[in-house]
């Protein structure tokens, strides 16, 4: 069963690589749409942000770290105020990788 749809640019866009890796590590099947800003994508992110994600449950996300965390954790046991041990490491690594891949975004 498909976990959700990821809207991204063609090939391995830096902001989508982590999401794809987390999904693969958790055996989650993603439908990948590599044609951004089509009508279906704009229903998820009106501004056309890439990557964007729509879960099969209807959840819409459009920040790479948020999407990766959603794919990494069991949302039924996620603690928003006090993340489980180790989850902070996941978030730190995702933010660090994002900064390396897109240095101009963090100046």
PDB file of N, CA and C in Angstrom:
ATOM      1  N   UNK A   1       0.837  -1.185   0.000  1.00  0.00           N
ATOM      2  CA  UNK A   1       0.000   0.000   0.000  1.00  0.00           C
ATOM      3  C   UNK A   1       0.881   1.247   0.000  1.00  0.00           C
ATOM      4  N   UNK A   2       0.480   2.248  -0.741  1.00  0.00           N
ATOM      5  CA  UNK A   2       1.235   3.490  -0.844  1.00  0.00           C
ATOM      6  C   UNK A   2       1.029   4.322   0.422  1.00  0.00           C
ATOM      7  N   UNK A   3       2.137   4.804   0.987  1.00  0.00           N
ATOM      8  CA  UNK A   3       2.126   5.631   2.195  1.00  0.00           C
ATOM      9  C   UNK A   3       1.655   7.048   1.870  1.00  0.00           C
ATOM     10  N   UNK A   4       2.051   7.551   0.705  1.00  0.00           N
ATOM     11  CA  UNK A   4       1.673   8.898   0.310  1.00  0.00           C
ATOM     12  C   UNK A   4       2.330   9.275  -1.002  1.00  0.00           C
ATOM     13  N   UNK A   5       2.102  10.508  -1.415  1.00  0.00           N
ATOM     14  CA  UNK A   5       2.639  11.024  -2.668  1.00  0.00           C
ATOM     15  C   UNK A   5       3.621  12.144  -2.370  1.00  0.00           C
ATOM     16  N   UNK A   6       4.802  12.064  -2.962  1.00  0.00           N
ATOM     17  CA  UNK A   6       5.832  13.085  -2.816  1.00  0.00           C
ATOM     18  C   UNK A   6       5.944  13.844  -4.127  1.00  0.00           C
ATOM     19  N   UNK A   7       5.770  15.143  -4.067  1.00  0.00           N
ATOM     20  CA  UNK A   7       5.900  16.017  -5.238  1.00  0.00           C
ATOM     21  C   UNK A   7       7.281  16.651  -5.168  1.00  0.00           C
ATOM     22  N   UNK A   8       8.081  16.464  -6.212  1.00  0.00           N
ATOM     23  CA  UNK A   8       9.452  16.939  -6.211  1.00  0.00           C
ATOM     24  C   UNK A   8       9.882  17.276  -7.633  1.00  0.00           C
ATOM     25  N   UNK A   9      11.111  17.753  -7.760  1.00  0.00           N
ATOM     26  CA  UNK A   9      11.689  17.995  -9.075  1.00  0.00           C
ATOM     27  C   UNK A   9      12.227  16.676  -9.626  1.00  0.00           C
ATOM     28  N   UNK A  10      12.447  16.598 -10.937  1.00  0.00           N
ATOM     29  CA  UNK A  10      13.031  15.383 -11.516  1.00  0.00           C
ATOM     30  C   UNK A  10      14.406  15.081 -10.909  1.00  0.00           C
ATOM     31  N   UNK A  11      14.760  13.830 -10.881  1.00  0.00           N
ATOM     32  CA  UNK A  11      16.004  13.268 -10.338  1.00  0.00           C
ATOM     33  C   UNK A  11      16.046  13.428  -8.827  1.00  0.00           C
ATOM     34  N   UNK A  12      17.240  13.404  -8.260  1.00  0.00           N
ATOM     35  CA  UNK A  12      17.381  13.456  -6.809  1.00  0.00           C
ATOM     36  C   UNK A  12      17.585  14.888  -6.334  1.00  0.00           C
ATOM     37  N   UNK A  13      16.493  15.578  -6.123  1.00  0.00           N
ATOM     38  CA  UNK A  13      16.537  16.934  -5.580  1.00  0.00           C
ATOM     39  C   UNK A  13      17.062  16.847  -4.146  1.00  0.00           C
ATOM     40  N   UNK A  14      17.991  17.734  -3.742  1.00  0.00           N
ATOM     41  CA  UNK A  14      18.593  17.644  -2.405  1.00  0.00           C
ATOM     42  C   UNK A  14      17.581  17.587  -1.266  1.00  0.00           C
ATOM     43  N   UNK A  15      16.480  18.275  -1.378  1.00  0.00           N
ATOM     44  CA  UNK A  15      15.498  18.292  -0.297  1.00  0.00           C
ATOM     45  C   UNK A  15      14.605  17.042  -0.283  1.00  0.00           C
ATOM     46  N   UNK A  16      14.700  16.218  -1.308  1.00  0.00           N
ATOM     47  CA  UNK A  16      13.880  15.007  -1.366  1.00  0.00           C
ATOM     48  C   UNK A  16      14.651  13.735  -1.039  1.00  0.00           C
ATOM     49  N   UNK A  17      15.973  13.785  -1.114  1.00  0.00           N
ATOM     50  CA  UNK A  17      16.787  12.593  -0.900  1.00  0.00           C
ATOM     51  C   UNK A  17      16.546  12.001   0.484  1.00  0.00           C
ATOM     52  N   UNK A  18      16.547  12.839   1.524  1.00  0.00           N
ATOM     53  CA  UNK A  18      16.342  12.352   2.889  1.00  0.00           C
ATOM     54  C   UNK A  18      14.983  11.707   3.070  1.00  0.00           C
ATOM     55  N   UNK A  19      13.969  12.292   2.450  1.00  0.00           N
ATOM     56  CA  UNK A  19      12.614  11.742   2.549  1.00  0.00           C
ATOM     57  C   UNK A  19      12.565  10.358   1.909  1.00  0.00           C
ATOM     58  N   UNK A  20      13.153  10.231   0.732  1.00  0.00           N
ATOM     59  CA  UNK A  20      13.172   8.942   0.042  1.00  0.00           C
ATOM     60  C   UNK A  20      13.945   7.903   0.856  1.00  0.00           C
ATOM     61  N   UNK A  21      15.055   8.314   1.474  1.00  0.00           N
ATOM     62  CA  UNK A  21      15.865   7.384   2.265  1.00  0.00           C
ATOM     63  C   UNK A  21      15.108   6.900   3.497  1.00  0.00           C
ATOM     64  N   UNK A  22      14.432   7.821   4.186  1.00  0.00           N
ATOM     65  CA  UNK A  22      13.666   7.446   5.378  1.00  0.00           C
ATOM     66  C   UNK A  22      12.527   6.505   4.998  1.00  0.00           C
ATOM     67  N   UNK A  23      11.837   6.819   3.919  1.00  0.00           N
ATOM     68  CA  UNK A  23      10.733   5.963   3.481  1.00  0.00           C
ATOM     69  C   UNK A  23      11.241   4.560   3.129  1.00  0.00           C
ATOM     70  N   UNK A  24      12.361   4.500   2.430  1.00  0.00           N
ATOM     71  CA  UNK A  24      12.917   3.196   2.058  1.00  0.00           C
ATOM     72  C   UNK A  24      13.340   2.415   3.298  1.00  0.00           C
ATOM     73  N   UNK A  25      13.971   3.094   4.251  1.00  0.00           N
ATOM     74  CA  UNK A  25      14.425   2.431   5.475  1.00  0.00           C
ATOM     75  C   UNK A  25      13.261   1.870   6.287  1.00  0.00           C
ATOM     76  N   UNK A  26      12.109   2.515   6.187  1.00  0.00           N
ATOM     77  CA  UNK A  26      10.925   2.077   6.926  1.00  0.00           C
ATOM     78  C   UNK A  26       9.964   1.265   6.071  1.00  0.00           C
ATOM     79  N   UNK A  27      10.429   0.839   4.885  1.00  0.00           N
ATOM     80  CA  UNK A  27       9.613   0.028   3.965  1.00  0.00           C
ATOM     81  C   UNK A  27       8.280   0.693   3.635  1.00  0.00           C
ATOM     82  N   UNK A  28       8.333   2.010   3.425  1.00  0.00           N
ATOM     83  CA  UNK A  28       7.136   2.763   3.044  1.00  0.00           C
ATOM     84  C   UNK A  28       7.186   3.032   1.548  1.00  0.00           C
ATOM     85  N   UNK A  29       6.120   2.713   0.866  1.00  0.00           N
ATOM     86  CA  UNK A  29       6.053   2.949  -0.573  1.00  0.00           C
ATOM     87  C   UNK A  29       5.568   4.371  -0.823  1.00  0.00           C
ATOM     88  N   UNK A  30       6.376   5.142  -1.545  1.00  0.00           N
ATOM     89  CA  UNK A  30       6.008   6.502  -1.924  1.00  0.00           C
ATOM     90  C   UNK A  30       5.658   6.550  -3.397  1.00  0.00           C
ATOM     91  N   UNK A  31       4.618   7.258  -3.715  1.00  0.00           N
ATOM     92  CA  UNK A  31       4.326   7.581  -5.118  1.00  0.00           C
ATOM     93  C   UNK A  31       5.095   8.870  -5.379  1.00  0.00           C
ATOM     94  N   UNK A  32       5.975   8.871  -6.342  1.00  0.00           N
ATOM     95  CA  UNK A  32       6.816  10.033  -6.636  1.00  0.00           C
ATOM     96  C   UNK A  32       6.290  10.729  -7.886  1.00  0.00           C
ATOM     97  N   UNK A  33       5.972  12.014  -7.749  1.00  0.00           N
ATOM     98  CA  UNK A  33       5.554  12.827  -8.888  1.00  0.00           C
ATOM     99  C   UNK A  33       6.661  13.847  -9.118  1.00  0.00           C
ATOM    100  N   UNK A  34       7.381  13.698 -10.227  1.00  0.00           N
ATOM    101  CA  UNK A  34       8.530  14.555 -10.509  1.00  0.00           C
ATOM    102  C   UNK A  34       8.184  15.690 -11.459  1.00  0.00           C
ATOM    103  N   UNK A  35       6.982  16.149 -11.368  1.00  0.00           N
ATOM    104  CA  UNK A  35       6.538  17.292 -12.177  1.00  0.00           C
ATOM    105  C   UNK A  35       5.861  18.276 -11.222  1.00  0.00           C
ATOM    106  N   UNK A  36       6.643  19.200 -10.642  1.00  0.00           N
ATOM    107  CA  UNK A  36       6.074  20.104  -9.652  1.00  0.00           C
ATOM    108  C   UNK A  36       5.142  21.143 -10.259  1.00  0.00           C
ATOM    109  N   UNK A  37       4.355  21.682  -9.387  1.00  0.00           N
ATOM    110  CA  UNK A  37       3.441  22.799  -9.672  1.00  0.00           C
ATOM    111  C   UNK A  37       2.339  22.458 -10.671  1.00  0.00           C
ATOM    112  N   UNK A  38       1.984  21.175 -10.733  1.00  0.00           N
ATOM    113  CA  UNK A  38       0.793  20.796 -11.475  1.00  0.00           C
ATOM    114  C   UNK A  38      -0.388  20.966 -10.519  1.00  0.00           C
ATOM    115  N   UNK A  39      -1.594  20.902 -11.026  1.00  0.00           N
ATOM    116  CA  UNK A  39      -2.780  21.161 -10.200  1.00  0.00           C
ATOM    117  C   UNK A  39      -2.827  20.279  -8.959  1.00  0.00           C
ATOM    118  N   UNK A  40      -2.493  19.006  -9.115  1.00  0.00           N
ATOM    119  CA  UNK A  40      -2.506  18.057  -7.998  1.00  0.00           C
ATOM    120  C   UNK A  40      -1.528  18.489  -6.897  1.00  0.00           C
ATOM    121  N   UNK A  41      -0.346  18.985  -7.299  1.00  0.00           N
ATOM    122  CA  UNK A  41       0.667  19.461  -6.349  1.00  0.00           C
ATOM    123  C   UNK A  41       0.191  20.738  -5.658  1.00  0.00           C
ATOM    124  N   UNK A  42      -0.398  21.646  -6.404  1.00  0.00           N
ATOM    125  CA  UNK A  42      -0.837  22.921  -5.840  1.00  0.00           C
ATOM    126  C   UNK A  42      -1.991  22.761  -4.858  1.00  0.00           C
ATOM    127  N   UNK A  43      -2.687  21.626  -4.889  1.00  0.00           N
ATOM    128  CA  UNK A  43      -3.703  21.344  -3.873  1.00  0.00           C
ATOM    129  C   UNK A  43      -3.051  21.065  -2.519  1.00  0.00           C
ATOM    130  N   UNK A  44      -1.817  20.572  -2.531  1.00  0.00           N
ATOM    131  CA  UNK A  44      -1.073  20.283  -1.305  1.00  0.00           C
ATOM    132  C   UNK A  44      -0.364  21.540  -0.820  1.00  0.00           C
ATOM    133  N   UNK A  45       0.296  22.238  -1.712  1.00  0.00           N
ATOM    134  CA  UNK A  45       1.048  23.449  -1.385  1.00  0.00           C
ATOM    135  C   UNK A  45       0.673  24.538  -2.385  1.00  0.00           C
ATOM    136  N   UNK A  46      -0.170  25.444  -1.959  1.00  0.00           N
ATOM    137  CA  UNK A  46      -0.671  26.486  -2.866  1.00  0.00           C
ATOM    138  C   UNK A  46       0.447  27.324  -3.475  1.00  0.00           C
ATOM    139  N   UNK A  47       1.568  27.456  -2.758  1.00  0.00           N
ATOM    140  CA  UNK A  47       2.696  28.228  -3.272  1.00  0.00           C
ATOM    141  C   UNK A  47       3.645  27.391  -4.126  1.00  0.00           C
ATOM    142  N   UNK A  48       3.348  26.115  -4.263  1.00  0.00           N
ATOM    143  CA  UNK A  48       4.168  25.240  -5.093  1.00  0.00           C
ATOM    144  C   UNK A  48       5.488  24.853  -4.469  1.00  0.00           C
ATOM    145  N   UNK A  49       5.565  24.833  -3.129  1.00  0.00           N
ATOM    146  CA  UNK A  49       6.816  24.470  -2.458  1.00  0.00           C
ATOM    147  C   UNK A  49       7.181  23.023  -2.783  1.00  0.00           C
ATOM    148  N   UNK A  50       8.478  22.794  -2.963  1.00  0.00           N
ATOM    149  CA  UNK A  50       9.011  21.477  -3.280  1.00  0.00           C
ATOM    150  C   UNK A  50      10.075  21.136  -2.248  1.00  0.00           C
ATOM    151  N   UNK A  51      10.002  19.966  -1.642  1.00  0.00           N
ATOM    152  CA  UNK A  51       9.031  18.912  -1.844  1.00  0.00           C
ATOM    153  C   UNK A  51       7.729  19.187  -1.100  1.00  0.00           C
ATOM    154  N   UNK A  52       6.708  18.518  -1.538  1.00  0.00           N
ATOM    155  CA  UNK A  52       5.412  18.541  -0.860  1.00  0.00           C
ATOM    156  C   UNK A  52       4.933  17.096  -0.765  1.00  0.00           C
ATOM    157  N   UNK A  53       4.079  16.832   0.223  1.00  0.00           N
ATOM    158  CA  UNK A  53       3.652  15.461   0.491  1.00  0.00           C
ATOM    159  C   UNK A  53       2.179  15.444   0.848  1.00  0.00           C
ATOM    160  N   UNK A  54       1.484  14.453   0.302  1.00  0.00           N
ATOM    161  CA  UNK A  54       0.109  14.180   0.711  1.00  0.00           C
ATOM    162  C   UNK A  54       0.046  12.714   1.114  1.00  0.00           C
ATOM    163  N   UNK A  55      -0.272  12.484   2.377  1.00  0.00           N
ATOM    164  CA  UNK A  55      -0.399  11.116   2.869  1.00  0.00           C
ATOM    165  C   UNK A  55      -1.699  10.501   2.413  1.00  0.00           C
ATOM    166  N   UNK A  56      -1.735   9.186   2.400  1.00  0.00           N
ATOM    167  CA  UNK A  56      -2.966   8.494   2.038  1.00  0.00           C
ATOM    168  C   UNK A  56      -4.078   8.799   3.033  1.00  0.00           C
ATOM    169  N   UNK A  57      -3.708   9.276   4.216  1.00  0.00           N
ATOM    170  CA  UNK A  57      -4.694   9.675   5.223  1.00  0.00           C
ATOM    171  C   UNK A  57      -5.179  11.106   5.021  1.00  0.00           C
ATOM    172  N   UNK A  58      -4.661  11.796   3.981  1.00  0.00           N
ATOM    173  CA  UNK A  58      -5.079  13.153   3.668  1.00  0.00           C
ATOM    174  C   UNK A  58      -4.180  14.238   4.238  1.00  0.00           C
ATOM    175  N   UNK A  59      -3.203  13.870   5.084  1.00  0.00           N
ATOM    176  CA  UNK A  59      -2.295  14.859   5.671  1.00  0.00           C
ATOM    177  C   UNK A  59      -1.470  15.517   4.577  1.00  0.00           C
ATOM    178  N   UNK A  60      -1.316  16.848   4.659  1.00  0.00           N
ATOM    179  CA  UNK A  60      -0.519  17.591   3.690  1.00  0.00           C
ATOM    180  C   UNK A  60       0.656  18.246   4.412  1.00  0.00           C
ATOM    181  N   UNK A  61       1.862  18.027   3.892  1.00  0.00           N
ATOM    182  CA  UNK A  61       3.079  18.624   4.439  1.00  0.00           C
ATOM    183  C   UNK A  61       3.913  19.175   3.303  1.00  0.00           C
ATOM    184  N   UNK A  62       4.676  20.244   3.573  1.00  0.00           N
ATOM    185  CA  UNK A  62       5.519  20.775   2.509  1.00  0.00           C
ATOM    186  C   UNK A  62       6.855  21.322   2.992  1.00  0.00           C
ATOM    187  N   UNK A  63       7.416  20.766   4.022  1.00  0.00           N
ATOM    188  CA  UNK A  63       8.787  21.052   4.445  1.00  0.00           C
ATOM    189  C   UNK A  63       9.518  19.721   4.510  1.00  0.00           C
ATOM    190  N   UNK A  64      10.742  19.660   3.969  1.00  0.00           N
ATOM    191  CA  UNK A  64      11.437  18.371   3.847  1.00  0.00           C
ATOM    192  C   UNK A  64      11.652  17.687   5.194  1.00  0.00           C
ATOM    193  N   UNK A  65      12.021  18.430   6.225  1.00  0.00           N
ATOM    194  CA  UNK A  65      12.273  17.805   7.525  1.00  0.00           C
ATOM    195  C   UNK A  65      10.968  17.296   8.119  1.00  0.00           C
ATOM    196  N   UNK A  66       9.895  18.054   8.003  1.00  0.00           N
ATOM    197  CA  UNK A  66       8.602  17.618   8.529  1.00  0.00           C
ATOM    198  C   UNK A  66       8.137  16.336   7.841  1.00  0.00           C
ATOM    199  N   UNK A  67       8.322  16.265   6.536  1.00  0.00           N
ATOM    200  CA  UNK A  67       7.918  15.073   5.789  1.00  0.00           C
ATOM    201  C   UNK A  67       8.762  13.872   6.216  1.00  0.00           C
ATOM    202  N   UNK A  68      10.069  14.067   6.336  1.00  0.00           N
ATOM    203  CA  UNK A  68      10.952  12.972   6.731  1.00  0.00           C
ATOM    204  C   UNK A  68      10.637  12.479   8.141  1.00  0.00           C
ATOM    205  N   UNK A  69      10.363  13.402   9.057  1.00  0.00           N
ATOM    206  CA  UNK A  69      10.023  13.003  10.425  1.00  0.00           C
ATOM    207  C   UNK A  69       8.703  12.239  10.423  1.00  0.00           C
ATOM    208  N   UNK A  70       7.737  12.698   9.656  1.00  0.00           N
ATOM    209  CA  UNK A  70       6.451  12.004   9.571  1.00  0.00           C
ATOM    210  C   UNK A  70       6.651  10.569   9.084  1.00  0.00           C
ATOM    211  N   UNK A  71       7.554  10.386   8.126  1.00  0.00           N
ATOM    212  CA  UNK A  71       7.831   9.046   7.614  1.00  0.00           C
ATOM    213  C   UNK A  71       8.670   8.219   8.592  1.00  0.00           C
ATOM    214  N   UNK A  72       9.407   8.891   9.479  1.00  0.00           N
ATOM    215  CA  UNK A  72      10.329   8.188  10.375  1.00  0.00           C
ATOM    216  C   UNK A  72       9.687   7.701  11.660  1.00  0.00           C
ATOM    217  N   UNK A  73       8.649   8.376  12.111  1.00  0.00           N
ATOM    218  CA  UNK A  73       8.084   8.025  13.420  1.00  0.00           C
ATOM    219  C   UNK A  73       6.690   7.455  13.274  1.00  0.00           C
ATOM    220  N   UNK A  74       6.321   6.695  14.246  1.00  0.00           N
ATOM    221  CA  UNK A  74       4.957   6.188  14.339  1.00  0.00           C
ATOM    222  C   UNK A  74       4.122   7.334  14.898  1.00  0.00           C
ATOM    223  N   UNK A  75       3.313   7.964  14.057  1.00  0.00           N
ATOM    224  CA  UNK A  75       2.600   9.165  14.478  1.00  0.00           C
ATOM    225  C   UNK A  75       1.608   8.902  15.608  1.00  0.00           C
ATOM    226  N   UNK A  76       1.239   7.680  15.835  1.00  0.00           N
ATOM    227  CA  UNK A  76       0.318   7.398  16.937  1.00  0.00           C
ATOM    228  C   UNK A  76       1.019   7.463  18.291  1.00  0.00           C
ATOM    229  N   UNK A  77       2.367   7.357  18.301  1.00  0.00           N
ATOM    230  CA  UNK A  77       3.092   7.414  19.562  1.00  0.00           C
ATOM    231  C   UNK A  77       4.030   8.609  19.630  1.00  0.00           C
ATOM    232  N   UNK A  78       3.890   9.547  18.706  1.00  0.00           N
ATOM    233  CA  UNK A  78       4.782  10.708  18.651  1.00  0.00           C
ATOM    234  C   UNK A  78       4.464  11.675  19.778  1.00  0.00           C
ATOM    235  N   UNK A  79       5.500  12.099  20.467  1.00  0.00           N
ATOM    236  CA  UNK A  79       5.354  13.044  21.571  1.00  0.00           C
ATOM    237  C   UNK A  79       5.870  14.405  21.108  1.00  0.00           C
ATOM    238  N   UNK A  80       4.963  15.344  20.878  1.00  0.00           N
ATOM    239  CA  UNK A  80       5.369  16.626  20.319  1.00  0.00           C
ATOM    240  C   UNK A  80       6.215  17.456  21.280  1.00  0.00           C
ATOM    241  N   UNK A  81       5.890  17.421  22.571  1.00  0.00           N
ATOM    242  CA  UNK A  81       6.636  18.248  23.513  1.00  0.00           C
ATOM    243  C   UNK A  81       7.925  17.595  23.986  1.00  0.00           C
ATOM    244  N   UNK A  82       7.944  16.286  24.077  1.00  0.00           N
ATOM    245  CA  UNK A  82       9.118  15.561  24.551  1.00  0.00           C
ATOM    246  C   UNK A  82       9.388  14.391  23.615  1.00  0.00           C
ATOM    247  N   UNK A  83      10.149  14.628  22.540  1.00  0.00           N
ATOM    248  CA  UNK A  83      10.407  13.546  21.586  1.00  0.00           C
ATOM    249  C   UNK A  83      11.117  12.373  22.252  1.00  0.00           C
ATOM    250  N   UNK A  84      10.843  11.169  21.784  1.00  0.00           N
ATOM    251  CA  UNK A  84      11.529   9.992  22.322  1.00  0.00           C
ATOM    252  C   UNK A  84      13.042  10.105  22.157  1.00  0.00           C
ATOM    253  N   UNK A  85      13.764   9.406  22.999  1.00  0.00           N
ATOM    254  CA  UNK A  85      15.221   9.404  22.925  1.00  0.00           C
ATOM    255  C   UNK A  85      15.644   8.968  21.530  1.00  0.00           C
ATOM    256  N   UNK A  86      16.567   9.684  20.951  1.00  0.00           N
ATOM    257  CA  UNK A  86      17.063   9.365  19.615  1.00  0.00           C
ATOM    258  C   UNK A  86      16.395  10.177  18.525  1.00  0.00           C
ATOM    259  N   UNK A  87      15.171  10.601  18.739  1.00  0.00           N
ATOM    260  CA  UNK A  87      14.495  11.375  17.699  1.00  0.00           C
ATOM    261  C   UNK A  87      15.156  12.737  17.505  1.00  0.00           C
ATOM    262  N   UNK A  88      15.688  13.301  18.589  1.00  0.00           N
ATOM    263  CA  UNK A  88      16.392  14.576  18.471  1.00  0.00           C
ATOM    264  C   UNK A  88      17.580  14.424  17.528  1.00  0.00           C
ATOM    265  N   UNK A  89      18.249  13.269  17.582  1.00  0.00           N
ATOM    266  CA  UNK A  89      19.382  13.017  16.695  1.00  0.00           C
ATOM    267  C   UNK A  89      18.936  12.971  15.237  1.00  0.00           C
ATOM    268  N   UNK A  90      17.778  12.371  14.985  1.00  0.00           N
ATOM    269  CA  UNK A  90      17.237  12.317  13.628  1.00  0.00           C
ATOM    270  C   UNK A  90      16.984  13.729  13.116  1.00  0.00           C
ATOM    271  N   UNK A  91      16.327  14.558  13.929  1.00  0.00           N
ATOM    272  CA  UNK A  91      16.008  15.921  13.521  1.00  0.00           C
ATOM    273  C   UNK A  91      17.273  16.735  13.289  1.00  0.00           C
ATOM    274  N   UNK A  92      18.252  16.614  14.174  1.00  0.00           N
ATOM    275  CA  UNK A  92      19.511  17.344  14.019  1.00  0.00           C
ATOM    276  C   UNK A  92      20.195  16.953  12.721  1.00  0.00           C
ATOM    277  N   UNK A  93      20.253  15.648  12.428  1.00  0.00           N
ATOM    278  CA  UNK A  93      20.895  15.173  11.204  1.00  0.00           C
ATOM    279  C   UNK A  93      20.168  15.684   9.964  1.00  0.00           C
ATOM    280  N   UNK A  94      18.847  15.664   9.975  1.00  0.00           N
ATOM    281  CA  UNK A  94      18.083  16.142   8.817  1.00  0.00           C
ATOM    282  C   UNK A  94      18.313  17.631   8.587  1.00  0.00           C
ATOM    283  N   UNK A  95      18.311  18.422   9.659  1.00  0.00           N
ATOM    284  CA  UNK A  95      18.544  19.861   9.512  1.00  0.00           C
ATOM    285  C   UNK A  95      19.973  20.131   9.042  1.00  0.00           C
ATOM    286  N   UNK A  96      20.935  19.391   9.575  1.00  0.00           N
ATOM    287  CA  UNK A  96      22.324  19.564   9.184  1.00  0.00           C
ATOM    288  C   UNK A  96      22.509  19.237   7.709  1.00  0.00           C
ATOM    289  N   UNK A  97      21.961  18.106   7.266  1.00  0.00           N
ATOM    290  CA  UNK A  97      22.067  17.713   5.862  1.00  0.00           C
ATOM    291  C   UNK A  97      21.397  18.726   4.953  1.00  0.00           C
ATOM    292  N   UNK A  98      20.277  19.272   5.395  1.00  0.00           N
ATOM    293  CA  UNK A  98      19.574  20.282   4.603  1.00  0.00           C
ATOM    294  C   UNK A  98      20.441  21.535   4.450  1.00  0.00           C
ATOM    295  N   UNK A  99      21.129  21.927   5.513  1.00  0.00           N
ATOM    296  CA  UNK A  99      21.993  23.108   5.461  1.00  0.00           C
ATOM    297  C   UNK A  99      23.174  22.882   4.525  1.00  0.00           C
ATOM    298  N   UNK A 100      23.741  21.673   4.533  1.00  0.00           N
ATOM    299  CA  UNK A 100      24.859  21.372   3.641  1.00  0.00           C
ATOM    300  C   UNK A 100      24.437  21.348   2.185  1.00  0.00           C
ATOM    301  N   UNK A 101      23.267  20.790   1.913  1.00  0.00           N
ATOM    302  CA  UNK A 101      22.794  20.667   0.536  1.00  0.00           C
ATOM    303  C   UNK A 101      22.330  22.002  -0.035  1.00  0.00           C
ATOM    304  N   UNK A 102      21.912  22.914   0.838  1.00  0.00           N
ATOM    305  CA  UNK A 102      21.356  24.198   0.393  1.00  0.00           C
ATOM    306  C   UNK A 102      21.933  25.335   1.227  1.00  0.00           C
ATOM    307  N   UNK A 103      23.243  25.608   1.140  1.00  0.00           N
ATOM    308  CA  UNK A 103      23.862  26.597   2.008  1.00  0.00           C
ATOM    309  C   UNK A 103      23.282  27.996   1.864  1.00  0.00           C
ATOM    310  N   UNK A 104      22.811  28.371   0.705  1.00  0.00           N
ATOM    311  CA  UNK A 104      22.255  29.704   0.512  1.00  0.00           C
ATOM    312  C   UNK A 104      20.965  29.942   1.262  1.00  0.00           C
ATOM    313  N   UNK A 105      20.260  28.868   1.623  1.00  0.00           N
ATOM    314  CA  UNK A 105      18.989  28.985   2.329  1.00  0.00           C
ATOM    315  C   UNK A 105      19.153  29.351   3.791  1.00  0.00           C
ATOM    316  N   UNK A 106      20.373  29.259   4.316  1.00  0.00           N
ATOM    317  CA  UNK A 106      20.572  29.410   5.758  1.00  0.00           C
ATOM    318  C   UNK A 106      21.487  30.571   6.108  1.00  0.00           C
ATOM    319  N   UNK A 107      21.619  31.531   5.223  1.00  0.00           N
ATOM    320  CA  UNK A 107      22.500  32.672   5.490  1.00  0.00           C
ATOM    321  C   UNK A 107      21.734  33.776   6.176  1.00  0.00           C
TER     322      UNK A 107
END
